Amino acid sequence: MTSQNSRNIAAGAAWSLAFAYLAAEIVTAYAWKTTYSFQHRTISDLGVTDCTPELCSPLHPLMNATFVTLGVLTIFGAVLFSVAIPHGYRRRLIVSLAVLTGLSTAATGLVPSNYGIVPHMLAVLPGFIARHILLILVAIWMWQQHRLVAILAALCALSGLSGIILLVATPVHIGISERIVLYPLPVFMAFTGTAIMTATLVKVRSQRRALRHRDAD
């Protein structure tokens, strides 16, 4: 197995775990002492560490650990996948945006909203903005090399930007709008990671089969 194949499998496995983020959110929401509203409650509410009569998340350690893990996986996969991007300012910019998004995602779990709205927003906002720039640049710069990846990135970017418009226009449905803003990147990671990992494993298996046949001859 070549080093590139190893990198693709490791990065793909890391990004495919983004599916687990959605599962963790659902599990945490259903563990609430009161009814959690995906329509009216923010994602950050799932990570609050204090309980009030209206807001209590018993599984907040799971949600906050998931934020941190997702942030680490975002950075890990981006660094390994970066070799597919032409060397130079494009690679540096995309990796920098991925690192910023990953650090911001991890900080969301380390600084829950009940620690203070200002520190929490300082943790959340960098990734809130950087993820859309990242997806747009991936869509533009990967168009010639990986057309399907570029199309998926473009669709995710459009979805996230439409979520920002909804967030401003209909703040009463903040839970829905926020998820339209934030879900596209984990979805992009999960599908891209799974597809690349699967394709690489199939390629490696075919190469090994060809080598066995050659040795048998």
N, C-alpha and C. Protein backbone atom coordinates (compact mmCIF):
# COMPACT_ATOMS: atom_id res chain seq x y z
N MET A 1 0.84 -1.19 0.00
CA MET A 1 0.00 0.00 0.00
C MET A 1 0.88 1.25 0.00
N THR A 2 0.60 2.17 -0.91
CA THR A 2 1.39 3.39 -0.99
C THR A 2 1.04 4.33 0.15
N SER A 3 1.93 5.29 0.38
CA SER A 3 1.69 6.26 1.45
C SER A 3 0.44 7.09 1.15
N GLN A 4 0.21 7.38 -0.14
CA GLN A 4 -0.97 8.16 -0.50
C GLN A 4 -2.25 7.39 -0.20
N ASN A 5 -2.25 6.10 -0.50
CA ASN A 5 -3.42 5.28 -0.18
C ASN A 5 -3.66 5.24 1.32
N SER A 6 -2.59 5.13 2.07
CA SER A 6 -2.71 5.10 3.54
C SER A 6 -3.30 6.41 4.05
N ARG A 7 -2.84 7.53 3.48
CA ARG A 7 -3.34 8.84 3.89
C ARG A 7 -4.82 8.96 3.56
N ASN A 8 -5.22 8.51 2.37
CA ASN A 8 -6.61 8.61 1.96
C ASN A 8 -7.52 7.78 2.86
N ILE A 9 -7.06 6.59 3.22
CA ILE A 9 -7.87 5.73 4.08
C ILE A 9 -7.99 6.33 5.47
N ALA A 10 -6.89 6.82 6.03
CA ALA A 10 -6.91 7.41 7.36
C ALA A 10 -7.78 8.67 7.38
N ALA A 11 -7.60 9.54 6.39
CA ALA A 11 -8.38 10.77 6.32
C ALA A 11 -9.85 10.47 6.07
N GLY A 12 -10.11 9.53 5.17
CA GLY A 12 -11.50 9.17 4.88
C GLY A 12 -12.21 8.60 6.09
N ALA A 13 -11.50 7.75 6.84
CA ALA A 13 -12.08 7.17 8.05
C ALA A 13 -12.39 8.27 9.07
N ALA A 14 -11.47 9.24 9.19
CA ALA A 14 -11.68 10.33 10.15
C ALA A 14 -12.90 11.16 9.77
N TRP A 15 -12.99 11.54 8.51
CA TRP A 15 -14.11 12.38 8.09
C TRP A 15 -15.43 11.62 8.08
N SER A 16 -15.40 10.32 7.80
CA SER A 16 -16.65 9.55 7.78
C SER A 16 -17.29 9.50 9.16
N LEU A 17 -16.48 9.68 10.21
CA LEU A 17 -17.01 9.68 11.57
C LEU A 17 -17.85 10.92 11.86
N ALA A 18 -17.89 11.88 10.93
CA ALA A 18 -18.75 13.05 11.11
C ALA A 18 -20.22 12.64 11.20
N PHE A 19 -20.56 11.47 10.64
CA PHE A 19 -21.92 10.96 10.78
C PHE A 19 -22.29 10.81 12.26
N ALA A 20 -21.29 10.46 13.08
CA ALA A 20 -21.53 10.24 14.51
C ALA A 20 -21.95 11.52 15.21
N TYR A 21 -21.54 12.67 14.67
CA TYR A 21 -21.93 13.95 15.27
C TYR A 21 -23.45 14.08 15.29
N LEU A 22 -24.09 13.76 14.18
CA LEU A 22 -25.55 13.88 14.09
C LEU A 22 -26.22 12.91 15.08
N ALA A 23 -25.66 11.71 15.19
CA ALA A 23 -26.22 10.73 16.12
C ALA A 23 -26.09 11.22 17.56
N ALA A 24 -24.94 11.80 17.90
CA ALA A 24 -24.72 12.30 19.26
C ALA A 24 -25.71 13.42 19.60
N GLU A 25 -25.98 14.26 18.63
CA GLU A 25 -26.92 15.35 18.86
C GLU A 25 -28.32 14.82 19.16
N ILE A 26 -28.74 13.82 18.41
CA ILE A 26 -30.08 13.24 18.60
C ILE A 26 -30.17 12.57 19.97
N VAL A 27 -29.15 11.79 20.32
CA VAL A 27 -29.14 11.09 21.61
C VAL A 27 -29.17 12.09 22.75
N THR A 28 -28.37 13.13 22.66
CA THR A 28 -28.32 14.16 23.72
C THR A 28 -29.65 14.88 23.84
N ALA A 29 -30.28 15.18 22.71
CA ALA A 29 -31.56 15.89 22.72
C ALA A 29 -32.65 15.07 23.40
N TYR A 30 -32.69 13.78 23.13
CA TYR A 30 -33.75 12.94 23.71
C TYR A 30 -33.51 12.61 25.17
N ALA A 31 -32.33 12.94 25.69
CA ALA A 31 -32.05 12.72 27.11
C ALA A 31 -32.43 13.92 27.96
N TRP A 32 -32.89 15.00 27.33
CA TRP A 32 -33.26 16.22 28.07
C TRP A 32 -34.34 15.95 29.11
N LYS A 33 -34.27 16.68 30.22
CA LYS A 33 -35.29 16.56 31.26
C LYS A 33 -36.63 17.10 30.78
N THR A 34 -36.57 18.16 29.97
CA THR A 34 -37.78 18.69 29.35
C THR A 34 -37.71 18.37 27.86
N THR A 35 -38.75 18.72 27.13
CA THR A 35 -38.75 18.44 25.70
C THR A 35 -37.81 19.39 24.97
N TYR A 36 -36.87 18.82 24.23
CA TYR A 36 -35.96 19.63 23.44
C TYR A 36 -36.58 19.89 22.07
N SER A 37 -36.62 21.15 21.66
CA SER A 37 -37.19 21.53 20.38
C SER A 37 -36.09 21.77 19.35
N PHE A 38 -36.02 20.92 18.34
CA PHE A 38 -35.05 21.12 17.26
C PHE A 38 -35.39 22.37 16.46
N GLN A 39 -36.60 22.85 16.60
CA GLN A 39 -37.04 24.03 15.86
C GLN A 39 -36.64 25.32 16.56
N HIS A 40 -36.77 25.34 17.88
CA HIS A 40 -36.59 26.59 18.62
C HIS A 40 -35.34 26.63 19.49
N ARG A 41 -34.69 25.50 19.72
CA ARG A 41 -33.50 25.47 20.57
C ARG A 41 -32.23 25.41 19.72
N THR A 42 -31.18 26.08 20.20
CA THR A 42 -29.91 26.05 19.49
C THR A 42 -29.17 24.75 19.77
N ILE A 43 -28.20 24.46 18.91
CA ILE A 43 -27.35 23.29 19.14
C ILE A 43 -26.54 23.46 20.42
N SER A 44 -26.12 24.69 20.68
CA SER A 44 -25.32 24.95 21.88
C SER A 44 -26.07 24.61 23.16
N ASP A 45 -27.40 24.68 23.12
CA ASP A 45 -28.18 24.34 24.31
C ASP A 45 -27.95 22.89 24.75
N LEU A 46 -27.57 22.04 23.82
CA LEU A 46 -27.32 20.64 24.15
C LEU A 46 -26.05 20.47 24.99
N GLY A 47 -25.19 21.50 24.98
CA GLY A 47 -23.92 21.39 25.70
C GLY A 47 -23.86 22.13 27.01
N VAL A 48 -24.98 22.76 27.43
CA VAL A 48 -24.96 23.53 28.69
C VAL A 48 -24.69 22.60 29.86
N THR A 49 -23.86 23.05 30.76
CA THR A 49 -23.43 22.20 31.88
C THR A 49 -24.23 22.45 33.15
N ASP A 50 -25.05 23.50 33.20
CA ASP A 50 -25.90 23.79 34.35
C ASP A 50 -27.35 23.48 34.01
N CYS A 51 -28.13 23.17 35.02
CA CYS A 51 -29.55 22.88 34.81
C CYS A 51 -30.42 24.01 35.35
N THR A 52 -31.45 24.35 34.58
CA THR A 52 -32.50 25.28 35.01
C THR A 52 -33.82 24.57 34.77
N PRO A 53 -34.93 25.11 35.26
CA PRO A 53 -36.22 24.46 35.01
C PRO A 53 -36.56 24.28 33.53
N GLU A 54 -36.03 25.16 32.67
CA GLU A 54 -36.36 25.09 31.25
C GLU A 54 -35.25 24.49 30.40
N LEU A 55 -34.05 24.40 30.94
CA LEU A 55 -32.91 23.98 30.13
C LEU A 55 -32.01 23.08 30.95
N CYS A 56 -32.01 21.80 30.61
CA CYS A 56 -31.18 20.84 31.34
C CYS A 56 -30.78 19.72 30.39
N SER A 57 -29.47 19.57 30.18
CA SER A 57 -28.96 18.58 29.24
C SER A 57 -28.08 17.57 29.98
N PRO A 58 -28.67 16.47 30.46
CA PRO A 58 -27.91 15.51 31.25
C PRO A 58 -26.70 14.91 30.51
N LEU A 59 -26.82 14.80 29.20
CA LEU A 59 -25.72 14.22 28.42
C LEU A 59 -24.82 15.29 27.81
N HIS A 60 -24.73 16.45 28.49
CA HIS A 60 -23.86 17.50 27.94
C HIS A 60 -22.40 17.06 27.79
N PRO A 61 -21.87 16.15 28.64
CA PRO A 61 -20.48 15.71 28.39
C PRO A 61 -20.33 15.02 27.03
N LEU A 62 -21.35 14.26 26.62
CA LEU A 62 -21.31 13.60 25.33
C LEU A 62 -21.30 14.63 24.20
N MET A 63 -22.18 15.64 24.31
CA MET A 63 -22.28 16.64 23.24
C MET A 63 -21.00 17.46 23.15
N ASN A 64 -20.49 17.88 24.27
CA ASN A 64 -19.28 18.70 24.25
C ASN A 64 -18.06 17.91 23.79
N ALA A 65 -18.00 16.63 24.20
CA ALA A 65 -16.91 15.78 23.71
C ALA A 65 -17.02 15.56 22.21
N THR A 66 -18.25 15.51 21.71
CA THR A 66 -18.46 15.35 20.27
C THR A 66 -18.01 16.58 19.51
N PHE A 67 -18.29 17.78 20.06
CA PHE A 67 -17.80 19.01 19.43
C PHE A 67 -16.27 18.98 19.30
N VAL A 68 -15.61 18.61 20.39
CA VAL A 68 -14.16 18.58 20.40
C VAL A 68 -13.64 17.55 19.40
N THR A 69 -14.25 16.37 19.41
CA THR A 69 -13.82 15.30 18.50
C THR A 69 -14.02 15.69 17.04
N LEU A 70 -15.18 16.30 16.74
CA LEU A 70 -15.44 16.73 15.37
C LEU A 70 -14.41 17.76 14.92
N GLY A 71 -14.05 18.66 15.83
CA GLY A 71 -13.03 19.65 15.49
C GLY A 71 -11.69 19.01 15.16
N VAL A 72 -11.29 18.04 15.96
CA VAL A 72 -10.02 17.35 15.73
C VAL A 72 -10.06 16.58 14.41
N LEU A 73 -11.18 15.89 14.15
CA LEU A 73 -11.31 15.12 12.92
C LEU A 73 -11.29 16.02 11.69
N THR A 74 -11.89 17.21 11.82
CA THR A 74 -11.88 18.17 10.71
C THR A 74 -10.46 18.54 10.33
N ILE A 75 -9.65 18.83 11.33
CA ILE A 75 -8.25 19.21 11.08
C ILE A 75 -7.44 18.04 10.56
N PHE A 76 -7.60 16.89 11.19
CA PHE A 76 -6.82 15.70 10.83
C PHE A 76 -7.06 15.31 9.37
N GLY A 77 -8.34 15.23 8.98
CA GLY A 77 -8.65 14.85 7.61
C GLY A 77 -8.19 15.88 6.61
N ALA A 78 -8.37 17.16 6.94
CA ALA A 78 -7.97 18.23 6.00
C ALA A 78 -6.48 18.21 5.74
N VAL A 79 -5.68 17.99 6.79
CA VAL A 79 -4.22 17.98 6.62
C VAL A 79 -3.81 16.81 5.73
N LEU A 80 -4.42 15.64 5.94
CA LEU A 80 -4.05 14.47 5.13
C LEU A 80 -4.53 14.59 3.69
N PHE A 81 -5.72 15.16 3.51
CA PHE A 81 -6.27 15.32 2.16
C PHE A 81 -5.60 16.46 1.39
N SER A 82 -4.87 17.31 2.08
CA SER A 82 -4.34 18.53 1.45
C SER A 82 -3.39 18.24 0.29
N VAL A 83 -2.82 17.03 0.25
CA VAL A 83 -1.88 16.73 -0.83
C VAL A 83 -2.59 16.68 -2.18
N ALA A 84 -3.92 16.56 -2.18
CA ALA A 84 -4.67 16.55 -3.43
C ALA A 84 -4.85 17.95 -3.99
N ILE A 85 -4.50 18.96 -3.20
CA ILE A 85 -4.62 20.35 -3.63
C ILE A 85 -3.27 20.83 -4.14
N PRO A 86 -3.24 21.54 -5.27
CA PRO A 86 -1.96 22.04 -5.79
C PRO A 86 -1.19 22.81 -4.72
N HIS A 87 0.10 22.54 -4.63
CA HIS A 87 0.93 23.18 -3.61
C HIS A 87 0.99 24.69 -3.83
N GLY A 88 1.01 25.43 -2.74
CA GLY A 88 1.07 26.88 -2.83
C GLY A 88 0.01 27.53 -1.98
N TYR A 89 -0.40 28.73 -2.36
CA TYR A 89 -1.32 29.49 -1.52
C TYR A 89 -2.68 28.82 -1.40
N ARG A 90 -3.10 28.06 -2.43
CA ARG A 90 -4.40 27.39 -2.36
C ARG A 90 -4.42 26.36 -1.24
N ARG A 91 -3.38 25.54 -1.21
CA ARG A 91 -3.31 24.52 -0.16
C ARG A 91 -3.24 25.17 1.21
N ARG A 92 -2.39 26.19 1.34
CA ARG A 92 -2.23 26.85 2.64
C ARG A 92 -3.54 27.48 3.10
N LEU A 93 -4.26 28.10 2.19
CA LEU A 93 -5.50 28.78 2.57
C LEU A 93 -6.57 27.78 2.97
N ILE A 94 -6.74 26.71 2.21
CA ILE A 94 -7.76 25.71 2.53
C ILE A 94 -7.44 25.02 3.85
N VAL A 95 -6.18 24.64 4.04
CA VAL A 95 -5.81 23.99 5.31
C VAL A 95 -5.99 24.95 6.47
N SER A 96 -5.63 26.22 6.28
CA SER A 96 -5.79 27.21 7.36
C SER A 96 -7.25 27.38 7.73
N LEU A 97 -8.13 27.43 6.73
CA LEU A 97 -9.56 27.57 7.01
C LEU A 97 -10.11 26.33 7.70
N ALA A 98 -9.63 25.15 7.29
CA ALA A 98 -10.07 23.91 7.94
C ALA A 98 -9.60 23.86 9.38
N VAL A 99 -8.36 24.29 9.62
CA VAL A 99 -7.84 24.31 11.00
C VAL A 99 -8.63 25.30 11.85
N LEU A 100 -8.93 26.47 11.30
CA LEU A 100 -9.72 27.47 12.02
C LEU A 100 -11.11 26.94 12.35
N THR A 101 -11.73 26.29 11.37
CA THR A 101 -13.06 25.70 11.60
C THR A 101 -12.99 24.61 12.65
N GLY A 102 -11.97 23.77 12.57
CA GLY A 102 -11.83 22.68 13.54
C GLY A 102 -11.59 23.19 14.95
N LEU A 103 -10.73 24.18 15.08
CA LEU A 103 -10.46 24.75 16.41
C LEU A 103 -11.71 25.42 16.98
N SER A 104 -12.45 26.11 16.13
CA SER A 104 -13.68 26.75 16.57
C SER A 104 -14.72 25.73 17.02
N THR A 105 -14.83 24.63 16.26
CA THR A 105 -15.77 23.57 16.62
C THR A 105 -15.39 22.95 17.96
N ALA A 106 -14.10 22.68 18.14
CA ALA A 106 -13.64 22.12 19.41
C ALA A 106 -13.87 23.09 20.56
N ALA A 107 -13.63 24.38 20.31
CA ALA A 107 -13.82 25.39 21.35
C ALA A 107 -15.29 25.49 21.77
N THR A 108 -16.21 25.19 20.85
CA THR A 108 -17.64 25.20 21.18
C THR A 108 -17.93 24.24 22.32
N GLY A 109 -17.24 23.10 22.31
CA GLY A 109 -17.44 22.13 23.38
C GLY A 109 -16.69 22.46 24.66
N LEU A 110 -15.62 23.24 24.52
CA LEU A 110 -14.82 23.60 25.68
C LEU A 110 -15.36 24.84 26.40
N VAL A 111 -16.13 25.66 25.66
CA VAL A 111 -16.71 26.89 26.23
C VAL A 111 -18.22 26.87 25.97
N PRO A 112 -18.98 26.09 26.75
CA PRO A 112 -20.44 26.03 26.56
C PRO A 112 -21.09 27.40 26.75
N SER A 113 -22.31 27.54 26.24
CA SER A 113 -22.97 28.85 26.25
C SER A 113 -23.24 29.37 27.65
N ASN A 114 -23.38 28.48 28.65
CA ASN A 114 -23.64 28.95 30.00
C ASN A 114 -22.38 29.50 30.68
N TYR A 115 -21.23 29.39 30.01
CA TYR A 115 -20.01 30.00 30.53
C TYR A 115 -19.98 31.50 30.26
N GLY A 116 -20.94 31.98 29.48
CA GLY A 116 -21.01 33.39 29.11
C GLY A 116 -21.20 33.51 27.61
N ILE A 117 -22.12 34.36 27.20
CA ILE A 117 -22.45 34.46 25.79
C ILE A 117 -21.28 35.00 24.98
N VAL A 118 -20.51 35.94 25.56
CA VAL A 118 -19.39 36.54 24.81
C VAL A 118 -18.29 35.51 24.54
N PRO A 119 -17.76 34.81 25.56
CA PRO A 119 -16.72 33.81 25.26
C PRO A 119 -17.23 32.69 24.36
N HIS A 120 -18.51 32.32 24.53
CA HIS A 120 -19.06 31.26 23.68
C HIS A 120 -19.13 31.71 22.22
N MET A 121 -19.57 32.94 21.99
CA MET A 121 -19.66 33.44 20.62
C MET A 121 -18.27 33.61 20.01
N LEU A 122 -17.29 34.00 20.81
CA LEU A 122 -15.93 34.09 20.31
C LEU A 122 -15.40 32.72 19.88
N ALA A 123 -15.88 31.68 20.55
CA ALA A 123 -15.50 30.32 20.18
C ALA A 123 -16.21 29.86 18.92
N VAL A 124 -17.47 30.23 18.78
CA VAL A 124 -18.32 29.71 17.69
C VAL A 124 -18.13 30.46 16.38
N LEU A 125 -18.07 31.78 16.42
CA LEU A 125 -18.14 32.59 15.20
C LEU A 125 -17.04 32.33 14.16
N PRO A 126 -15.78 32.12 14.56
CA PRO A 126 -14.77 31.87 13.52
C PRO A 126 -15.12 30.70 12.61
N GLY A 127 -15.55 29.59 13.19
CA GLY A 127 -15.92 28.44 12.39
C GLY A 127 -17.23 28.64 11.66
N PHE A 128 -18.11 29.44 12.24
CA PHE A 128 -19.40 29.75 11.64
C PHE A 128 -19.19 30.42 10.28
N ILE A 129 -18.16 31.25 10.20
CA ILE A 129 -17.86 31.99 8.96
C ILE A 129 -16.91 31.21 8.06
N ALA A 130 -15.84 30.66 8.65
CA ALA A 130 -14.78 30.03 7.86
C ALA A 130 -15.27 28.82 7.08
N ARG A 131 -16.23 28.08 7.60
CA ARG A 131 -16.68 26.85 6.93
C ARG A 131 -17.26 27.12 5.55
N HIS A 132 -17.94 28.25 5.40
CA HIS A 132 -18.56 28.54 4.11
C HIS A 132 -17.52 28.99 3.08
N ILE A 133 -16.55 29.76 3.54
CA ILE A 133 -15.46 30.15 2.64
C ILE A 133 -14.69 28.91 2.22
N LEU A 134 -14.47 28.00 3.16
CA LEU A 134 -13.77 26.75 2.87
C LEU A 134 -14.48 25.94 1.79
N LEU A 135 -15.79 25.77 1.95
CA LEU A 135 -16.56 24.98 0.98
C LEU A 135 -16.57 25.64 -0.40
N ILE A 136 -16.66 26.95 -0.42
CA ILE A 136 -16.66 27.66 -1.70
C ILE A 136 -15.32 27.48 -2.42
N LEU A 137 -14.23 27.61 -1.68
CA LEU A 137 -12.91 27.46 -2.29
C LEU A 137 -12.67 26.03 -2.76
N VAL A 138 -13.13 25.06 -1.98
CA VAL A 138 -13.01 23.66 -2.41
C VAL A 138 -13.79 23.44 -3.70
N ALA A 139 -15.00 24.00 -3.78
CA ALA A 139 -15.81 23.85 -4.98
C ALA A 139 -15.12 24.45 -6.21
N ILE A 140 -14.50 25.59 -6.03
CA ILE A 140 -13.84 26.28 -7.16
C ILE A 140 -12.55 25.58 -7.56
N TRP A 141 -11.71 25.29 -6.57
CA TRP A 141 -10.37 24.81 -6.88
C TRP A 141 -10.30 23.31 -7.16
N MET A 142 -11.32 22.55 -6.77
CA MET A 142 -11.31 21.11 -7.03
C MET A 142 -12.13 20.75 -8.27
N TRP A 143 -12.66 21.74 -8.97
CA TRP A 143 -13.56 21.48 -10.11
C TRP A 143 -12.87 20.64 -11.19
N GLN A 144 -11.64 20.95 -11.51
CA GLN A 144 -10.94 20.24 -12.58
C GLN A 144 -10.44 18.87 -12.14
N GLN A 145 -10.11 18.72 -10.86
CA GLN A 145 -9.51 17.48 -10.38
C GLN A 145 -10.54 16.47 -9.89
N HIS A 146 -11.49 16.93 -9.10
CA HIS A 146 -12.49 16.03 -8.50
C HIS A 146 -13.86 16.68 -8.64
N ARG A 147 -14.50 16.44 -9.78
CA ARG A 147 -15.74 17.13 -10.11
C ARG A 147 -16.85 16.87 -9.09
N LEU A 148 -17.01 15.61 -8.68
CA LEU A 148 -18.09 15.29 -7.74
C LEU A 148 -17.87 15.94 -6.38
N VAL A 149 -16.61 15.97 -5.93
CA VAL A 149 -16.29 16.63 -4.66
C VAL A 149 -16.62 18.11 -4.76
N ALA A 150 -16.28 18.72 -5.89
CA ALA A 150 -16.55 20.15 -6.09
C ALA A 150 -18.05 20.43 -6.09
N ILE A 151 -18.82 19.58 -6.74
CA ILE A 151 -20.27 19.78 -6.80
C ILE A 151 -20.88 19.66 -5.40
N LEU A 152 -20.46 18.63 -4.65
CA LEU A 152 -20.98 18.46 -3.29
C LEU A 152 -20.61 19.66 -2.42
N ALA A 153 -19.37 20.15 -2.55
CA ALA A 153 -18.95 21.31 -1.78
C ALA A 153 -19.79 22.53 -2.13
N ALA A 154 -20.08 22.71 -3.42
CA ALA A 154 -20.89 23.86 -3.85
C ALA A 154 -22.30 23.78 -3.28
N LEU A 155 -22.90 22.59 -3.33
CA LEU A 155 -24.25 22.42 -2.79
C LEU A 155 -24.28 22.67 -1.29
N CYS A 156 -23.27 22.19 -0.59
CA CYS A 156 -23.20 22.40 0.86
C CYS A 156 -23.00 23.88 1.19
N ALA A 157 -22.19 24.56 0.40
CA ALA A 157 -21.96 25.99 0.61
C ALA A 157 -23.25 26.77 0.40
N LEU A 158 -23.99 26.46 -0.65
CA LEU A 158 -25.25 27.14 -0.93
C LEU A 158 -26.27 26.89 0.18
N SER A 159 -26.29 25.66 0.67
CA SER A 159 -27.20 25.33 1.76
C SER A 159 -26.86 26.13 3.01
N GLY A 160 -25.57 26.18 3.35
CA GLY A 160 -25.16 26.92 4.54
C GLY A 160 -25.44 28.40 4.43
N LEU A 161 -25.20 28.98 3.27
CA LEU A 161 -25.45 30.42 3.08
C LEU A 161 -26.95 30.72 3.13
N SER A 162 -27.76 29.81 2.60
CA SER A 162 -29.22 30.02 2.69
C SER A 162 -29.68 29.94 4.14
N GLY A 163 -28.98 29.12 4.93
CA GLY A 163 -29.31 29.04 6.35
C GLY A 163 -29.02 30.34 7.07
N ILE A 164 -27.95 31.03 6.68
CA ILE A 164 -27.64 32.32 7.29
C ILE A 164 -28.76 33.32 7.00
N ILE A 165 -29.27 33.31 5.77
CA ILE A 165 -30.37 34.20 5.40
C ILE A 165 -31.61 33.89 6.24
N LEU A 166 -31.90 32.60 6.40
CA LEU A 166 -33.05 32.21 7.22
C LEU A 166 -32.85 32.59 8.68
N LEU A 167 -31.61 32.48 9.15
CA LEU A 167 -31.31 32.80 10.54
C LEU A 167 -31.60 34.27 10.83
N VAL A 168 -31.30 35.12 9.86
CA VAL A 168 -31.55 36.56 10.01
C VAL A 168 -33.03 36.88 9.82
N ALA A 169 -33.66 36.20 8.85
CA ALA A 169 -35.04 36.52 8.50
C ALA A 169 -36.06 35.92 9.46
N THR A 170 -35.77 34.73 9.98
CA THR A 170 -36.73 34.04 10.85
C THR A 170 -36.04 33.57 12.12
N PRO A 171 -35.59 34.49 12.99
CA PRO A 171 -34.85 34.10 14.19
C PRO A 171 -35.66 33.25 15.16
N VAL A 172 -36.99 33.27 15.04
CA VAL A 172 -37.81 32.48 15.95
C VAL A 172 -37.59 30.99 15.73
N HIS A 173 -37.19 30.62 14.50
CA HIS A 173 -36.90 29.22 14.19
C HIS A 173 -35.40 28.99 14.17
N ILE A 174 -34.74 29.47 15.19
CA ILE A 174 -33.29 29.46 15.23
C ILE A 174 -32.70 28.05 15.15
N GLY A 175 -33.39 27.08 15.73
CA GLY A 175 -32.88 25.72 15.70
C GLY A 175 -32.76 25.17 14.30
N ILE A 176 -33.78 25.41 13.49
CA ILE A 176 -33.77 24.93 12.10
C ILE A 176 -32.73 25.69 11.29
N SER A 177 -32.77 27.01 11.40
CA SER A 177 -31.85 27.85 10.61
C SER A 177 -30.40 27.54 10.95
N GLU A 178 -30.11 27.39 12.23
CA GLU A 178 -28.73 27.13 12.64
C GLU A 178 -28.24 25.80 12.09
N ARG A 179 -29.09 24.82 12.06
CA ARG A 179 -28.69 23.52 11.53
C ARG A 179 -28.48 23.55 10.02
N ILE A 180 -29.27 24.36 9.32
CA ILE A 180 -29.04 24.52 7.88
C ILE A 180 -27.69 25.18 7.64
N VAL A 181 -27.28 26.05 8.56
CA VAL A 181 -25.98 26.71 8.45
C VAL A 181 -24.84 25.74 8.77
N LEU A 182 -24.99 24.95 9.83
CA LEU A 182 -23.87 24.19 10.36
C LEU A 182 -23.77 22.74 9.88
N TYR A 183 -24.88 22.13 9.52
CA TYR A 183 -24.84 20.73 9.10
C TYR A 183 -24.09 20.47 7.80
N PRO A 184 -24.14 21.38 6.80
CA PRO A 184 -23.54 21.05 5.51
C PRO A 184 -22.08 20.62 5.57
N LEU A 185 -21.26 21.24 6.43
CA LEU A 185 -19.85 20.84 6.47
C LEU A 185 -19.67 19.41 6.99
N PRO A 186 -20.29 19.02 8.13
CA PRO A 186 -20.17 17.62 8.54
C PRO A 186 -20.72 16.65 7.50
N VAL A 187 -21.79 17.04 6.81
CA VAL A 187 -22.33 16.19 5.75
C VAL A 187 -21.32 16.04 4.62
N PHE A 188 -20.70 17.16 4.23
CA PHE A 188 -19.67 17.11 3.19
C PHE A 188 -18.52 16.20 3.63
N MET A 189 -18.07 16.38 4.86
CA MET A 189 -16.98 15.56 5.37
C MET A 189 -17.33 14.09 5.36
N ALA A 190 -18.53 13.76 5.85
CA ALA A 190 -18.93 12.37 5.98
C ALA A 190 -19.03 11.67 4.63
N PHE A 191 -19.69 12.31 3.68
CA PHE A 191 -19.87 11.69 2.37
C PHE A 191 -18.55 11.63 1.60
N THR A 192 -17.77 12.72 1.64
CA THR A 192 -16.50 12.74 0.94
C THR A 192 -15.53 11.73 1.54
N GLY A 193 -15.46 11.73 2.86
CA GLY A 193 -14.55 10.79 3.53
C GLY A 193 -14.91 9.35 3.25
N THR A 194 -16.20 9.02 3.33
CA THR A 194 -16.64 7.65 3.08
C THR A 194 -16.36 7.24 1.64
N ALA A 195 -16.64 8.14 0.69
CA ALA A 195 -16.44 7.83 -0.73
C ALA A 195 -14.97 7.61 -1.05
N ILE A 196 -14.10 8.49 -0.55
CA ILE A 196 -12.66 8.37 -0.84
C ILE A 196 -12.07 7.14 -0.16
N MET A 197 -12.47 6.89 1.08
CA MET A 197 -11.97 5.71 1.79
C MET A 197 -12.40 4.44 1.06
N THR A 198 -13.66 4.37 0.66
CA THR A 198 -14.16 3.18 -0.03
C THR A 198 -13.46 2.98 -1.37
N ALA A 199 -13.32 4.06 -2.14
CA ALA A 199 -12.66 3.96 -3.44
C ALA A 199 -11.21 3.52 -3.29
N THR A 200 -10.54 4.03 -2.26
CA THR A 200 -9.13 3.67 -2.05
C THR A 200 -9.00 2.21 -1.63
N LEU A 201 -9.90 1.74 -0.77
CA LEU A 201 -9.86 0.34 -0.35
C LEU A 201 -10.11 -0.60 -1.53
N VAL A 202 -11.05 -0.23 -2.40
CA VAL A 202 -11.31 -1.03 -3.60
C VAL A 202 -10.09 -1.05 -4.50
N LYS A 203 -9.44 0.10 -4.65
CA LYS A 203 -8.23 0.21 -5.49
C LYS A 203 -7.12 -0.67 -4.93
N VAL A 204 -6.90 -0.59 -3.62
CA VAL A 204 -5.85 -1.39 -2.98
C VAL A 204 -6.14 -2.87 -3.14
N ARG A 205 -7.40 -3.26 -2.97
CA ARG A 205 -7.77 -4.67 -3.10
C ARG A 205 -7.53 -5.16 -4.53
N SER A 206 -7.85 -4.31 -5.51
CA SER A 206 -7.64 -4.70 -6.90
C SER A 206 -6.15 -4.84 -7.21
N GLN A 207 -5.36 -3.92 -6.66
CA GLN A 207 -3.91 -4.00 -6.88
C GLN A 207 -3.32 -5.26 -6.27
N ARG A 208 -3.78 -5.62 -5.07
CA ARG A 208 -3.28 -6.83 -4.43
C ARG A 208 -3.68 -8.07 -5.19
N ARG A 209 -4.92 -8.05 -5.71
CA ARG A 209 -5.39 -9.19 -6.50
C ARG A 209 -4.55 -9.34 -7.77
N ALA A 210 -4.24 -8.20 -8.40
CA ALA A 210 -3.43 -8.24 -9.61
C ALA A 210 -2.03 -8.77 -9.32
N LEU A 211 -1.47 -8.38 -8.16
CA LEU A 211 -0.15 -8.86 -7.79
C LEU A 211 -0.15 -10.37 -7.53
N ARG A 212 -1.22 -10.86 -6.89
CA ARG A 212 -1.31 -12.31 -6.62
C ARG A 212 -1.38 -13.09 -7.93
N HIS A 213 -2.16 -12.57 -8.88
CA HIS A 213 -2.28 -13.25 -10.18
C HIS A 213 -0.94 -13.24 -10.91
N ARG A 214 -0.21 -12.12 -10.82
CA ARG A 214 1.08 -12.02 -11.49
C ARG A 214 2.08 -13.00 -10.89
N ASP A 215 2.06 -13.08 -9.53
CA ASP A 215 2.99 -14.00 -8.86
C ASP A 215 2.63 -15.45 -9.19
N ALA A 216 1.33 -15.73 -9.32
CA ALA A 216 0.90 -17.10 -9.64
C ALA A 216 1.36 -17.50 -11.02
N ASP A 217 1.39 -16.53 -11.93
CA ASP A 217 1.83 -16.83 -13.31
C ASP A 217 3.34 -17.04 -13.36
